[in-house]
PDB file of N, CA and C in Angstrom:
ATOM      1  N   UNK A   1      39.176  18.964   0.077  1.00  0.00           N
ATOM      2  CA  UNK A   1      37.772  18.634   0.226  1.00  0.00           C
ATOM      3  C   UNK A   1      37.335  17.780  -0.951  1.00  0.00           C
ATOM      4  N   UNK A   2      36.426  16.850  -0.745  1.00  0.00           N
ATOM      5  CA  UNK A   2      36.030  15.956  -1.829  1.00  0.00           C
ATOM      6  C   UNK A   2      35.012  16.615  -2.741  1.00  0.00           C
ATOM      7  N   UNK A   3      34.996  16.170  -3.969  1.00  0.00           N
ATOM      8  CA  UNK A   3      34.086  16.674  -4.985  1.00  0.00           C
ATOM      9  C   UNK A   3      32.681  16.169  -4.692  1.00  0.00           C
ATOM     10  N   UNK A   4      31.661  17.058  -4.571  1.00  0.00           N
ATOM     11  CA  UNK A   4      30.303  16.614  -4.247  1.00  0.00           C
ATOM     12  C   UNK A   4      29.733  15.648  -5.281  1.00  0.00           C
ATOM     13  N   UNK A   5      30.156  15.780  -6.536  1.00  0.00           N
ATOM     14  CA  UNK A   5      29.660  14.879  -7.570  1.00  0.00           C
ATOM     15  C   UNK A   5      30.177  13.461  -7.351  1.00  0.00           C
ATOM     16  N   UNK A   6      31.393  13.327  -6.863  1.00  0.00           N
ATOM     17  CA  UNK A   6      31.954  12.006  -6.626  1.00  0.00           C
ATOM     18  C   UNK A   6      31.240  11.292  -5.487  1.00  0.00           C
ATOM     19  N   UNK A   7      30.838  12.030  -4.449  1.00  0.00           N
ATOM     20  CA  UNK A   7      30.172  11.385  -3.326  1.00  0.00           C
ATOM     21  C   UNK A   7      28.746  10.984  -3.678  1.00  0.00           C
ATOM     22  N   UNK A   8      28.154  11.568  -4.718  1.00  0.00           N
ATOM     23  CA  UNK A   8      26.794  11.232  -5.127  1.00  0.00           C
ATOM     24  C   UNK A   8      26.739   9.893  -5.856  1.00  0.00           C
ATOM     25  N   UNK A   9      27.858   9.459  -6.396  1.00  0.00           N
ATOM     26  CA  UNK A   9      27.890   8.197  -7.132  1.00  0.00           C
ATOM     27  C   UNK A   9      27.947   7.042  -6.148  1.00  0.00           C
ATOM     28  N   UNK A  10      27.014   6.121  -6.291  1.00  0.00           N
ATOM     29  CA  UNK A  10      26.964   4.946  -5.415  1.00  0.00           C
ATOM     30  C   UNK A  10      28.020   3.943  -5.857  1.00  0.00           C
ATOM     31  N   UNK A  11      28.923   3.541  -4.949  1.00  0.00           N
ATOM     32  CA  UNK A  11      29.937   2.545  -5.340  1.00  0.00           C
ATOM     33  C   UNK A  11      29.270   1.205  -5.598  1.00  0.00           C
ATOM     34  N   UNK A  12      29.868   0.407  -6.457  1.00  0.00           N
ATOM     35  CA  UNK A  12      29.278  -0.906  -6.737  1.00  0.00           C
ATOM     36  C   UNK A  12      29.316  -1.786  -5.490  1.00  0.00           C
ATOM     37  N   UNK A  13      28.271  -2.569  -5.326  1.00  0.00           N
ATOM     38  CA  UNK A  13      28.239  -3.485  -4.190  1.00  0.00           C
ATOM     39  C   UNK A  13      29.119  -4.693  -4.489  1.00  0.00           C
ATOM     40  N   UNK A  14      29.587  -5.314  -3.436  1.00  0.00           N
ATOM     41  CA  UNK A  14      30.442  -6.488  -3.592  1.00  0.00           C
ATOM     42  C   UNK A  14      29.630  -7.596  -4.255  1.00  0.00           C
ATOM     43  N   UNK A  15      30.104  -8.116  -5.381  1.00  0.00           N
ATOM     44  CA  UNK A  15      29.357  -9.165  -6.075  1.00  0.00           C
ATOM     45  C   UNK A  15      29.289 -10.455  -5.251  1.00  0.00           C
ATOM     46  N   UNK A  16      28.126 -11.079  -5.302  1.00  0.00           N
ATOM     47  CA  UNK A  16      27.951 -12.376  -4.656  1.00  0.00           C
ATOM     48  C   UNK A  16      28.219 -13.431  -5.713  1.00  0.00           C
ATOM     49  N   UNK A  17      29.109 -14.346  -5.395  1.00  0.00           N
ATOM     50  CA  UNK A  17      29.456 -15.388  -6.353  1.00  0.00           C
ATOM     51  C   UNK A  17      28.925 -16.717  -5.814  1.00  0.00           C
ATOM     52  N   UNK A  18      27.789 -17.154  -6.378  1.00  0.00           N
ATOM     53  CA  UNK A  18      27.198 -18.410  -5.908  1.00  0.00           C
ATOM     54  C   UNK A  18      27.994 -19.623  -6.368  1.00  0.00           C
ATOM     55  N   UNK A  19      27.671 -20.762  -5.768  1.00  0.00           N
ATOM     56  CA  UNK A  19      28.325 -22.010  -6.175  1.00  0.00           C
ATOM     57  C   UNK A  19      27.828 -22.409  -7.560  1.00  0.00           C
ATOM     58  N   UNK A  20      28.520 -23.330  -8.181  1.00  0.00           N
ATOM     59  CA  UNK A  20      28.114 -23.820  -9.497  1.00  0.00           C
ATOM     60  C   UNK A  20      26.710 -24.398  -9.484  1.00  0.00           C
ATOM     61  N   UNK A  21      26.387 -25.164  -8.449  1.00  0.00           N
ATOM     62  CA  UNK A  21      25.049 -25.750  -8.337  1.00  0.00           C
ATOM     63  C   UNK A  21      23.995 -24.662  -8.181  1.00  0.00           C
ATOM     64  N   UNK A  22      24.283 -23.644  -7.383  1.00  0.00           N
ATOM     65  CA  UNK A  22      23.337 -22.545  -7.199  1.00  0.00           C
ATOM     66  C   UNK A  22      23.095 -21.812  -8.518  1.00  0.00           C
ATOM     67  N   UNK A  23      24.161 -21.578  -9.273  1.00  0.00           N
ATOM     68  CA  UNK A  23      24.017 -20.914 -10.572  1.00  0.00           C
ATOM     69  C   UNK A  23      23.172 -21.781 -11.498  1.00  0.00           C
ATOM     70  N   UNK A  24      23.497 -23.063 -11.560  1.00  0.00           N
ATOM     71  CA  UNK A  24      22.751 -23.975 -12.429  1.00  0.00           C
ATOM     72  C   UNK A  24      21.269 -23.966 -12.079  1.00  0.00           C
ATOM     73  N   UNK A  25      20.952 -24.151 -10.809  1.00  0.00           N
ATOM     74  CA  UNK A  25      19.553 -24.209 -10.390  1.00  0.00           C
ATOM     75  C   UNK A  25      18.830 -22.881 -10.626  1.00  0.00           C
ATOM     76  N   UNK A  26      19.508 -21.777 -10.359  1.00  0.00           N
ATOM     77  CA  UNK A  26      18.917 -20.464 -10.542  1.00  0.00           C
ATOM     78  C   UNK A  26      18.508 -20.243 -12.010  1.00  0.00           C
ATOM     79  N   UNK A  27      19.358 -20.652 -12.916  1.00  0.00           N
ATOM     80  CA  UNK A  27      19.074 -20.469 -14.339  1.00  0.00           C
ATOM     81  C   UNK A  27      18.084 -21.525 -14.831  1.00  0.00           C
ATOM     82  N   UNK A  28      18.321 -22.774 -14.473  1.00  0.00           N
ATOM     83  CA  UNK A  28      17.517 -23.869 -15.012  1.00  0.00           C
ATOM     84  C   UNK A  28      16.080 -23.880 -14.500  1.00  0.00           C
ATOM     85  N   UNK A  29      15.840 -23.359 -13.308  1.00  0.00           N
ATOM     86  CA  UNK A  29      14.478 -23.416 -12.760  1.00  0.00           C
ATOM     87  C   UNK A  29      13.472 -22.693 -13.643  1.00  0.00           C
ATOM     88  N   UNK A  30      13.919 -21.673 -14.358  1.00  0.00           N
ATOM     89  CA  UNK A  30      13.032 -20.936 -15.263  1.00  0.00           C
ATOM     90  C   UNK A  30      12.921 -21.595 -16.631  1.00  0.00           C
ATOM     91  N   UNK A  31      13.826 -22.481 -16.939  1.00  0.00           N
ATOM     92  CA  UNK A  31      13.835 -23.140 -18.250  1.00  0.00           C
ATOM     93  C   UNK A  31      13.126 -24.496 -18.166  1.00  0.00           C
ATOM     94  N   UNK A  32      13.614 -25.349 -17.261  1.00  0.00           N
ATOM     95  CA  UNK A  32      13.044 -26.697 -17.125  1.00  0.00           C
ATOM     96  C   UNK A  32      13.234 -27.161 -15.682  1.00  0.00           C
ATOM     97  N   UNK A  33      12.218 -26.965 -14.839  1.00  0.00           N
ATOM     98  CA  UNK A  33      12.333 -27.317 -13.418  1.00  0.00           C
ATOM     99  C   UNK A  33      12.679 -28.784 -13.157  1.00  0.00           C
ATOM    100  N   UNK A  34      12.337 -29.688 -14.082  1.00  0.00           N
ATOM    101  CA  UNK A  34      12.704 -31.099 -13.897  1.00  0.00           C
ATOM    102  C   UNK A  34      14.205 -31.280 -13.700  1.00  0.00           C
ATOM    103  N   UNK A  35      14.998 -30.381 -14.267  1.00  0.00           N
ATOM    104  CA  UNK A  35      16.442 -30.588 -14.314  1.00  0.00           C
ATOM    105  C   UNK A  35      17.223 -29.928 -13.182  1.00  0.00           C
ATOM    106  N   UNK A  36      16.541 -29.208 -12.284  1.00  0.00           N
ATOM    107  CA  UNK A  36      17.299 -28.627 -11.168  1.00  0.00           C
ATOM    108  C   UNK A  36      17.781 -29.740 -10.243  1.00  0.00           C
ATOM    109  N   UNK A  37      18.803 -29.455  -9.485  1.00  0.00           N
ATOM    110  CA  UNK A  37      19.501 -30.493  -8.714  1.00  0.00           C
ATOM    111  C   UNK A  37      18.588 -31.246  -7.751  1.00  0.00           C
ATOM    112  N   UNK A  38      17.592 -30.605  -7.187  1.00  0.00           N
ATOM    113  CA  UNK A  38      16.721 -31.301  -6.236  1.00  0.00           C
ATOM    114  C   UNK A  38      15.714 -32.205  -6.929  1.00  0.00           C
ATOM    115  N   UNK A  39      15.484 -32.025  -8.219  1.00  0.00           N
ATOM    116  CA  UNK A  39      14.489 -32.823  -8.936  1.00  0.00           C
ATOM    117  C   UNK A  39      15.086 -33.929  -9.797  1.00  0.00           C
ATOM    118  N   UNK A  40      16.323 -33.784 -10.198  1.00  0.00           N
ATOM    119  CA  UNK A  40      16.895 -34.708 -11.172  1.00  0.00           C
ATOM    120  C   UNK A  40      16.925 -36.153 -10.666  1.00  0.00           C
ATOM    121  N   UNK A  41      17.076 -36.342  -9.376  1.00  0.00           N
ATOM    122  CA  UNK A  41      17.118 -37.707  -8.822  1.00  0.00           C
ATOM    123  C   UNK A  41      15.740 -38.364  -8.765  1.00  0.00           C
ATOM    124  N   UNK A  42      14.692 -37.597  -8.967  1.00  0.00           N
ATOM    125  CA  UNK A  42      13.332 -38.153  -8.913  1.00  0.00           C
ATOM    126  C   UNK A  42      12.759 -38.416 -10.300  1.00  0.00           C
ATOM    127  N   UNK A  43      13.510 -38.147 -11.340  1.00  0.00           N
ATOM    128  CA  UNK A  43      12.981 -38.292 -12.701  1.00  0.00           C
ATOM    129  C   UNK A  43      12.629 -39.738 -13.035  1.00  0.00           C
ATOM    130  N   UNK A  44      13.459 -40.671 -12.625  1.00  0.00           N
ATOM    131  CA  UNK A  44      13.195 -42.079 -12.915  1.00  0.00           C
ATOM    132  C   UNK A  44      11.892 -42.515 -12.260  1.00  0.00           C
ATOM    133  N   UNK A  45      11.724 -42.116 -11.022  1.00  0.00           N
ATOM    134  CA  UNK A  45      10.499 -42.447 -10.289  1.00  0.00           C
ATOM    135  C   UNK A  45       9.278 -41.759 -10.926  1.00  0.00           C
ATOM    136  N   UNK A  46       9.470 -40.525 -11.301  1.00  0.00           N
ATOM    137  CA  UNK A  46       8.374 -39.728 -11.854  1.00  0.00           C
ATOM    138  C   UNK A  46       7.966 -40.185 -13.263  1.00  0.00           C
ATOM    139  N   UNK A  47       8.956 -40.533 -14.082  1.00  0.00           N
ATOM    140  CA  UNK A  47       8.672 -40.847 -15.484  1.00  0.00           C
ATOM    141  C   UNK A  47       9.003 -42.293 -15.859  1.00  0.00           C
ATOM    142  N   UNK A  48       9.272 -43.132 -14.890  1.00  0.00           N
ATOM    143  CA  UNK A  48       9.722 -44.497 -15.147  1.00  0.00           C
ATOM    144  C   UNK A  48       8.784 -45.340 -15.995  1.00  0.00           C
ATOM    145  N   UNK A  49       7.508 -45.075 -15.947  1.00  0.00           N
ATOM    146  CA  UNK A  49       6.540 -45.904 -16.682  1.00  0.00           C
ATOM    147  C   UNK A  49       6.011 -45.226 -17.942  1.00  0.00           C
ATOM    148  N   UNK A  50       6.582 -44.109 -18.314  1.00  0.00           N
ATOM    149  CA  UNK A  50       6.066 -43.419 -19.504  1.00  0.00           C
ATOM    150  C   UNK A  50       6.417 -44.198 -20.776  1.00  0.00           C
ATOM    151  N   UNK A  51       5.583 -44.104 -21.781  1.00  0.00           N
ATOM    152  CA  UNK A  51       5.863 -44.778 -23.062  1.00  0.00           C
ATOM    153  C   UNK A  51       7.139 -44.226 -23.706  1.00  0.00           C
ATOM    154  N   UNK A  52       7.777 -45.052 -24.504  1.00  0.00           N
ATOM    155  CA  UNK A  52       9.053 -44.692 -25.140  1.00  0.00           C
ATOM    156  C   UNK A  52       8.932 -43.408 -25.969  1.00  0.00           C
ATOM    157  N   UNK A  53       7.837 -43.247 -26.660  1.00  0.00           N
ATOM    158  CA  UNK A  53       7.643 -42.054 -27.499  1.00  0.00           C
ATOM    159  C   UNK A  53       7.616 -40.779 -26.647  1.00  0.00           C
ATOM    160  N   UNK A  54       6.951 -40.835 -25.505  1.00  0.00           N
ATOM    161  CA  UNK A  54       6.914 -39.678 -24.599  1.00  0.00           C
ATOM    162  C   UNK A  54       8.299 -39.417 -24.004  1.00  0.00           C
ATOM    163  N   UNK A  55       9.002 -40.512 -23.714  1.00  0.00           N
ATOM    164  CA  UNK A  55      10.352 -40.368 -23.156  1.00  0.00           C
ATOM    165  C   UNK A  55      11.264 -39.659 -24.153  1.00  0.00           C
ATOM    166  N   UNK A  56      11.186 -40.047 -25.430  1.00  0.00           N
ATOM    167  CA  UNK A  56      12.009 -39.405 -26.461  1.00  0.00           C
ATOM    168  C   UNK A  56      11.678 -37.919 -26.556  1.00  0.00           C
ATOM    169  N   UNK A  57      10.383 -37.592 -26.508  1.00  0.00           N
ATOM    170  CA  UNK A  57       9.958 -36.182 -26.575  1.00  0.00           C
ATOM    171  C   UNK A  57      10.475 -35.409 -25.363  1.00  0.00           C
ATOM    172  N   UNK A  58      10.403 -36.034 -24.190  1.00  0.00           N
ATOM    173  CA  UNK A  58      10.888 -35.377 -22.970  1.00  0.00           C
ATOM    174  C   UNK A  58      12.385 -35.154 -23.045  1.00  0.00           C
ATOM    175  N   UNK A  59      13.124 -36.150 -23.506  1.00  0.00           N
ATOM    176  CA  UNK A  59      14.574 -36.007 -23.620  1.00  0.00           C
ATOM    177  C   UNK A  59      14.951 -34.934 -24.638  1.00  0.00           C
ATOM    178  N   UNK A  60      14.191 -34.816 -25.697  1.00  0.00           N
ATOM    179  CA  UNK A  60      14.424 -33.737 -26.679  1.00  0.00           C
ATOM    180  C   UNK A  60      14.171 -32.378 -26.023  1.00  0.00           C
ATOM    181  N   UNK A  61      13.128 -32.317 -25.204  1.00  0.00           N
ATOM    182  CA  UNK A  61      12.824 -31.078 -24.476  1.00  0.00           C
ATOM    183  C   UNK A  61      13.982 -30.732 -23.542  1.00  0.00           C
ATOM    184  N   UNK A  62      14.556 -31.747 -22.885  1.00  0.00           N
ATOM    185  CA  UNK A  62      15.702 -31.514 -21.999  1.00  0.00           C
ATOM    186  C   UNK A  62      16.919 -31.028 -22.785  1.00  0.00           C
ATOM    187  N   UNK A  63      17.108 -31.599 -23.974  1.00  0.00           N
ATOM    188  CA  UNK A  63      18.233 -31.184 -24.822  1.00  0.00           C
ATOM    189  C   UNK A  63      18.105 -29.699 -25.170  1.00  0.00           C
ATOM    190  N   UNK A  64      16.898 -29.269 -25.525  1.00  0.00           N
ATOM    191  CA  UNK A  64      16.653 -27.850 -25.826  1.00  0.00           C
ATOM    192  C   UNK A  64      16.835 -26.993 -24.570  1.00  0.00           C
ATOM    193  N   UNK A  65      16.444 -27.532 -23.425  1.00  0.00           N
ATOM    194  CA  UNK A  65      16.607 -26.804 -22.165  1.00  0.00           C
ATOM    195  C   UNK A  65      18.089 -26.556 -21.873  1.00  0.00           C
ATOM    196  N   UNK A  66      18.930 -27.562 -22.123  1.00  0.00           N
ATOM    197  CA  UNK A  66      20.367 -27.382 -21.895  1.00  0.00           C
ATOM    198  C   UNK A  66      20.976 -26.375 -22.872  1.00  0.00           C
ATOM    199  N   UNK A  67      20.480 -26.350 -24.098  1.00  0.00           N
ATOM    200  CA  UNK A  67      20.965 -25.357 -25.063  1.00  0.00           C
ATOM    201  C   UNK A  67      20.600 -23.944 -24.590  1.00  0.00           C
ATOM    202  N   UNK A  68      19.385 -23.779 -24.103  1.00  0.00           N
ATOM    203  CA  UNK A  68      18.962 -22.478 -23.566  1.00  0.00           C
ATOM    204  C   UNK A  68      19.758 -22.136 -22.314  1.00  0.00           C
ATOM    205  N   UNK A  69      20.012 -23.141 -21.483  1.00  0.00           N
ATOM    206  CA  UNK A  69      20.816 -22.927 -20.282  1.00  0.00           C
ATOM    207  C   UNK A  69      22.200 -22.400 -20.662  1.00  0.00           C
ATOM    208  N   UNK A  70      22.840 -23.018 -21.651  1.00  0.00           N
ATOM    209  CA  UNK A  70      24.169 -22.585 -22.074  1.00  0.00           C
ATOM    210  C   UNK A  70      24.169 -21.115 -22.464  1.00  0.00           C
ATOM    211  N   UNK A  71      23.144 -20.699 -23.174  1.00  0.00           N
ATOM    212  CA  UNK A  71      23.031 -19.295 -23.608  1.00  0.00           C
ATOM    213  C   UNK A  71      22.881 -18.372 -22.392  1.00  0.00           C
ATOM    214  N   UNK A  72      21.981 -18.726 -21.498  1.00  0.00           N
ATOM    215  CA  UNK A  72      21.739 -17.878 -20.314  1.00  0.00           C
ATOM    216  C   UNK A  72      22.929 -17.897 -19.356  1.00  0.00           C
ATOM    217  N   UNK A  73      23.619 -19.025 -19.264  1.00  0.00           N
ATOM    218  CA  UNK A  73      24.805 -19.118 -18.414  1.00  0.00           C
ATOM    219  C   UNK A  73      25.887 -18.166 -18.911  1.00  0.00           C
ATOM    220  N   UNK A  74      26.092 -18.134 -20.210  1.00  0.00           N
ATOM    221  CA  UNK A  74      27.087 -17.222 -20.778  1.00  0.00           C
ATOM    222  C   UNK A  74      26.731 -15.773 -20.445  1.00  0.00           C
ATOM    223  N   UNK A  75      25.467 -15.415 -20.607  1.00  0.00           N
ATOM    224  CA  UNK A  75      25.026 -14.055 -20.274  1.00  0.00           C
ATOM    225  C   UNK A  75      25.257 -13.756 -18.788  1.00  0.00           C
ATOM    226  N   UNK A  76      24.903 -14.713 -17.942  1.00  0.00           N
ATOM    227  CA  UNK A  76      25.081 -14.543 -16.506  1.00  0.00           C
ATOM    228  C   UNK A  76      26.559 -14.329 -16.167  1.00  0.00           C
ATOM    229  N   UNK A  77      27.422 -15.172 -16.720  1.00  0.00           N
ATOM    230  CA  UNK A  77      28.851 -15.062 -16.425  1.00  0.00           C
ATOM    231  C   UNK A  77      29.446 -13.772 -16.983  1.00  0.00           C
ATOM    232  N   UNK A  78      28.989 -13.344 -18.153  1.00  0.00           N
ATOM    233  CA  UNK A  78      29.461 -12.062 -18.703  1.00  0.00           C
ATOM    234  C   UNK A  78      29.106 -10.921 -17.750  1.00  0.00           C
ATOM    235  N   UNK A  79      27.874 -10.933 -17.238  1.00  0.00           N
ATOM    236  CA  UNK A  79      27.448  -9.887 -16.303  1.00  0.00           C
ATOM    237  C   UNK A  79      28.203  -9.969 -14.985  1.00  0.00           C
ATOM    238  N   UNK A  80      28.408 -11.186 -14.486  1.00  0.00           N
ATOM    239  CA  UNK A  80      29.144 -11.351 -13.237  1.00  0.00           C
ATOM    240  C   UNK A  80      30.589 -10.881 -13.391  1.00  0.00           C
ATOM    241  N   UNK A  81      31.206 -11.220 -14.503  1.00  0.00           N
ATOM    242  CA  UNK A  81      32.577 -10.782 -14.770  1.00  0.00           C
ATOM    243  C   UNK A  81      32.652  -9.261 -14.816  1.00  0.00           C
ATOM    244  N   UNK A  82      31.680  -8.641 -15.453  1.00  0.00           N
ATOM    245  CA  UNK A  82      31.622  -7.178 -15.524  1.00  0.00           C
ATOM    246  C   UNK A  82      31.467  -6.583 -14.118  1.00  0.00           C
ATOM    247  N   UNK A  83      30.579  -7.164 -13.304  1.00  0.00           N
ATOM    248  CA  UNK A  83      30.362  -6.667 -11.944  1.00  0.00           C
ATOM    249  C   UNK A  83      31.624  -6.803 -11.097  1.00  0.00           C
ATOM    250  N   UNK A  84      32.317  -7.927 -11.223  1.00  0.00           N
ATOM    251  CA  UNK A  84      33.549  -8.144 -10.454  1.00  0.00           C
ATOM    252  C   UNK A  84      34.620  -7.138 -10.889  1.00  0.00           C
ATOM    253  N   UNK A  85      34.748  -6.915 -12.186  1.00  0.00           N
ATOM    254  CA  UNK A  85      35.740  -5.961 -12.690  1.00  0.00           C
ATOM    255  C   UNK A  85      35.429  -4.544 -12.193  1.00  0.00           C
ATOM    256  N   UNK A  86      34.159  -4.178 -12.200  1.00  0.00           N
ATOM    257  CA  UNK A  86      33.751  -2.852 -11.734  1.00  0.00           C
ATOM    258  C   UNK A  86      34.030  -2.705 -10.239  1.00  0.00           C
ATOM    259  N   UNK A  87      33.714  -3.739  -9.482  1.00  0.00           N
ATOM    260  CA  UNK A  87      33.971  -3.711  -8.045  1.00  0.00           C
ATOM    261  C   UNK A  87      35.469  -3.610  -7.768  1.00  0.00           C
ATOM    262  N   UNK A  88      36.269  -4.392  -8.481  1.00  0.00           N
ATOM    263  CA  UNK A  88      37.723  -4.378  -8.305  1.00  0.00           C
ATOM    264  C   UNK A  88      38.286  -2.993  -8.623  1.00  0.00           C
ATOM    265  N   UNK A  89      37.829  -2.415  -9.715  1.00  0.00           N
ATOM    266  CA  UNK A  89      38.285  -1.075 -10.109  1.00  0.00           C
ATOM    267  C   UNK A  89      37.955  -0.061  -9.012  1.00  0.00           C
ATOM    268  N   UNK A  90      36.755  -0.142  -8.466  1.00  0.00           N
ATOM    269  CA  UNK A  90      36.340   0.782  -7.410  1.00  0.00           C
ATOM    270  C   UNK A  90      37.190   0.595  -6.149  1.00  0.00           C
ATOM    271  N   UNK A  91      37.473  -0.659  -5.786  1.00  0.00           N
ATOM    272  CA  UNK A  91      38.289  -0.921  -4.599  1.00  0.00           C
ATOM    273  C   UNK A  91      39.720  -0.403  -4.794  1.00  0.00           C
ATOM    274  N   UNK A  92      40.263  -0.589  -5.994  1.00  0.00           N
ATOM    275  CA  UNK A  92      41.612  -0.080  -6.278  1.00  0.00           C
ATOM    276  C   UNK A  92      41.640   1.447  -6.180  1.00  0.00           C
ATOM    277  N   UNK A  93      40.591   2.082  -6.663  1.00  0.00           N
ATOM    278  CA  UNK A  93      40.519   3.544  -6.599  1.00  0.00           C
ATOM    279  C   UNK A  93      40.491   4.008  -5.136  1.00  0.00           C
ATOM    280  N   UNK A  94      39.748   3.298  -4.286  1.00  0.00           N
ATOM    281  CA  UNK A  94      39.704   3.657  -2.867  1.00  0.00           C
ATOM    282  C   UNK A  94      41.087   3.517  -2.234  1.00  0.00           C
ATOM    283  N   UNK A  95      41.811   2.473  -2.605  1.00  0.00           N
ATOM    284  CA  UNK A  95      43.163   2.269  -2.069  1.00  0.00           C
ATOM    285  C   UNK A  95      44.089   3.391  -2.532  1.00  0.00           C
ATOM    286  N   UNK A  96      43.976   3.763  -3.806  1.00  0.00           N
ATOM    287  CA  UNK A  96      44.811   4.854  -4.330  1.00  0.00           C
ATOM    288  C   UNK A  96      44.533   6.156  -3.590  1.00  0.00           C
ATOM    289  N   UNK A  97      43.270   6.463  -3.345  1.00  0.00           N
ATOM    290  CA  UNK A  97      42.908   7.690  -2.630  1.00  0.00           C
ATOM    291  C   UNK A  97      43.479   7.658  -1.220  1.00  0.00           C
ATOM    292  N   UNK A  98      43.357   6.524  -0.557  1.00  0.00           N
ATOM    293  CA  UNK A  98      43.876   6.384   0.800  1.00  0.00           C
ATOM    294  C   UNK A  98      45.395   6.563   0.822  1.00  0.00           C
ATOM    295  N   UNK A  99      46.081   5.978  -0.153  1.00  0.00           N
ATOM    296  CA  UNK A  99      47.538   6.110  -0.225  1.00  0.00           C
ATOM    297  C   UNK A  99      47.953   7.551  -0.489  1.00  0.00           C
ATOM    298  N   UNK A 100      47.217   8.244  -1.349  1.00  0.00           N
ATOM    299  CA  UNK A 100      47.543   9.654  -1.623  1.00  0.00           C
ATOM    300  C   UNK A 100      47.374  10.495  -0.366  1.00  0.00           C
ATOM    301  N   UNK A 101      46.334  10.200   0.421  1.00  0.00           N
ATOM    302  CA  UNK A 101      46.132  10.937   1.675  1.00  0.00           C
ATOM    303  C   UNK A 101      47.290  10.681   2.637  1.00  0.00           C
ATOM    304  N   UNK A 102      47.744   9.426   2.721  1.00  0.00           N
ATOM    305  CA  UNK A 102      48.880   9.107   3.591  1.00  0.00           C
ATOM    306  C   UNK A 102      50.140   9.822   3.116  1.00  0.00           C
ATOM    307  N   UNK A 103      50.346   9.846   1.795  1.00  0.00           N
ATOM    308  CA  UNK A 103      51.514  10.523   1.240  1.00  0.00           C
ATOM    309  C   UNK A 103      51.481  12.006   1.566  1.00  0.00           C
ATOM    310  N   UNK A 104      50.312  12.625   1.478  1.00  0.00           N
ATOM    311  CA  UNK A 104      50.180  14.048   1.824  1.00  0.00           C
ATOM    312  C   UNK A 104      50.550  14.274   3.278  1.00  0.00           C
ATOM    313  N   UNK A 105      50.079  13.378   4.155  1.00  0.00           N
ATOM    314  CA  UNK A 105      50.390  13.507   5.580  1.00  0.00           C
ATOM    315  C   UNK A 105      51.888  13.364   5.827  1.00  0.00           C
ATOM    316  N   UNK A 106      52.522  12.392   5.178  1.00  0.00           N
ATOM    317  CA  UNK A 106      53.961  12.176   5.339  1.00  0.00           C
ATOM    318  C   UNK A 106      54.730  13.395   4.834  1.00  0.00           C
ATOM    319  N   UNK A 107      54.324  13.897   3.666  1.00  0.00           N
ATOM    320  CA  UNK A 107      54.996  15.074   3.121  1.00  0.00           C
ATOM    321  C   UNK A 107      54.801  16.295   4.015  1.00  0.00           C
ATOM    322  N   UNK A 108      53.592  16.445   4.566  1.00  0.00           N
ATOM    323  CA  UNK A 108      53.339  17.575   5.473  1.00  0.00           C
ATOM    324  C   UNK A 108      54.199  17.449   6.726  1.00  0.00           C
ATOM    325  N   UNK A 109      54.309  16.235   7.263  1.00  0.00           N
ATOM    326  CA  UNK A 109      55.156  16.015   8.442  1.00  0.00           C
ATOM    327  C   UNK A 109      56.621  16.299   8.122  1.00  0.00           C
ATOM    328  N   UNK A 110      57.059  15.851   6.952  1.00  0.00           N
ATOM    329  CA  UNK A 110      58.440  16.069   6.529  1.00  0.00           C
ATOM    330  C   UNK A 110      58.709  17.565   6.358  1.00  0.00           C
ATOM    331  N   UNK A 111      57.770  18.246   5.734  1.00  0.00           N
ATOM    332  CA  UNK A 111      57.923  19.686   5.528  1.00  0.00           C
ATOM    333  C   UNK A 111      57.967  20.421   6.871  1.00  0.00           C
ATOM    334  N   UNK A 112      57.093  20.023   7.779  1.00  0.00           N
ATOM    335  CA  UNK A 112      57.086  20.636   9.118  1.00  0.00           C
ATOM    336  C   UNK A 112      58.400  20.367   9.832  1.00  0.00           C
ATOM    337  N   UNK A 113      58.920  19.181   9.664  1.00  0.00           N
ATOM    338  CA  UNK A 113      60.190  18.819  10.306  1.00  0.00           C
ATOM    339  C   UNK A 113      61.322  19.642   9.756  1.00  0.00           C
ATOM    340  N   UNK A 114      61.325  19.841   8.441  1.00  0.00           N
ATOM    341  CA  UNK A 114      62.383  20.654   7.807  1.00  0.00           C
ATOM    342  C   UNK A 114      62.278  22.106   8.245  1.00  0.00           C
ATOM    343  N   UNK A 115      61.062  22.600   8.309  1.00  0.00           N
ATOM    344  CA  UNK A 115      60.852  24.000   8.692  1.00  0.00           C
ATOM    345  C   UNK A 115      61.257  24.279  10.141  1.00  0.00           C
ATOM    346  N   UNK A 116      61.082  23.270  10.996  1.00  0.00           N
ATOM    347  CA  UNK A 116      61.394  23.474  12.404  1.00  0.00           C
ATOM    348  C   UNK A 116      62.877  23.256  12.711  1.00  0.00           C
ATOM    349  N   UNK A 117      63.630  22.774  11.741  1.00  0.00           N
ATOM    350  CA  UNK A 117      65.053  22.515  11.966  1.00  0.00           C
ATOM    351  C   UNK A 117      65.870  23.767  11.906  1.00  0.00           C
TER     352      UNK A 117
END
């Protein structure tokens, strides 16, 4: 019979691994929406007539946004790696339990066969 405490623990859900663009946009939208993939192609049109001084300030802002993105991306990937490892460990444990149950059945059948001989 299974341990009631073990059944109370919720197994980790299968991690969703988004595409690189999805990860970039998800992180960058909170930092600098101008730089998400759907907006980057409109920057020239949007800022094409701005004075050089404003352009330099905007580009500096983008540089800081990418530095913040790098930091948040690392955190995101660390968490995703942890989630994948936890999920993998849980799946391996389920396979081990299933194999042990099969082994018990095989041994029980073998024992029954020996006893009936």
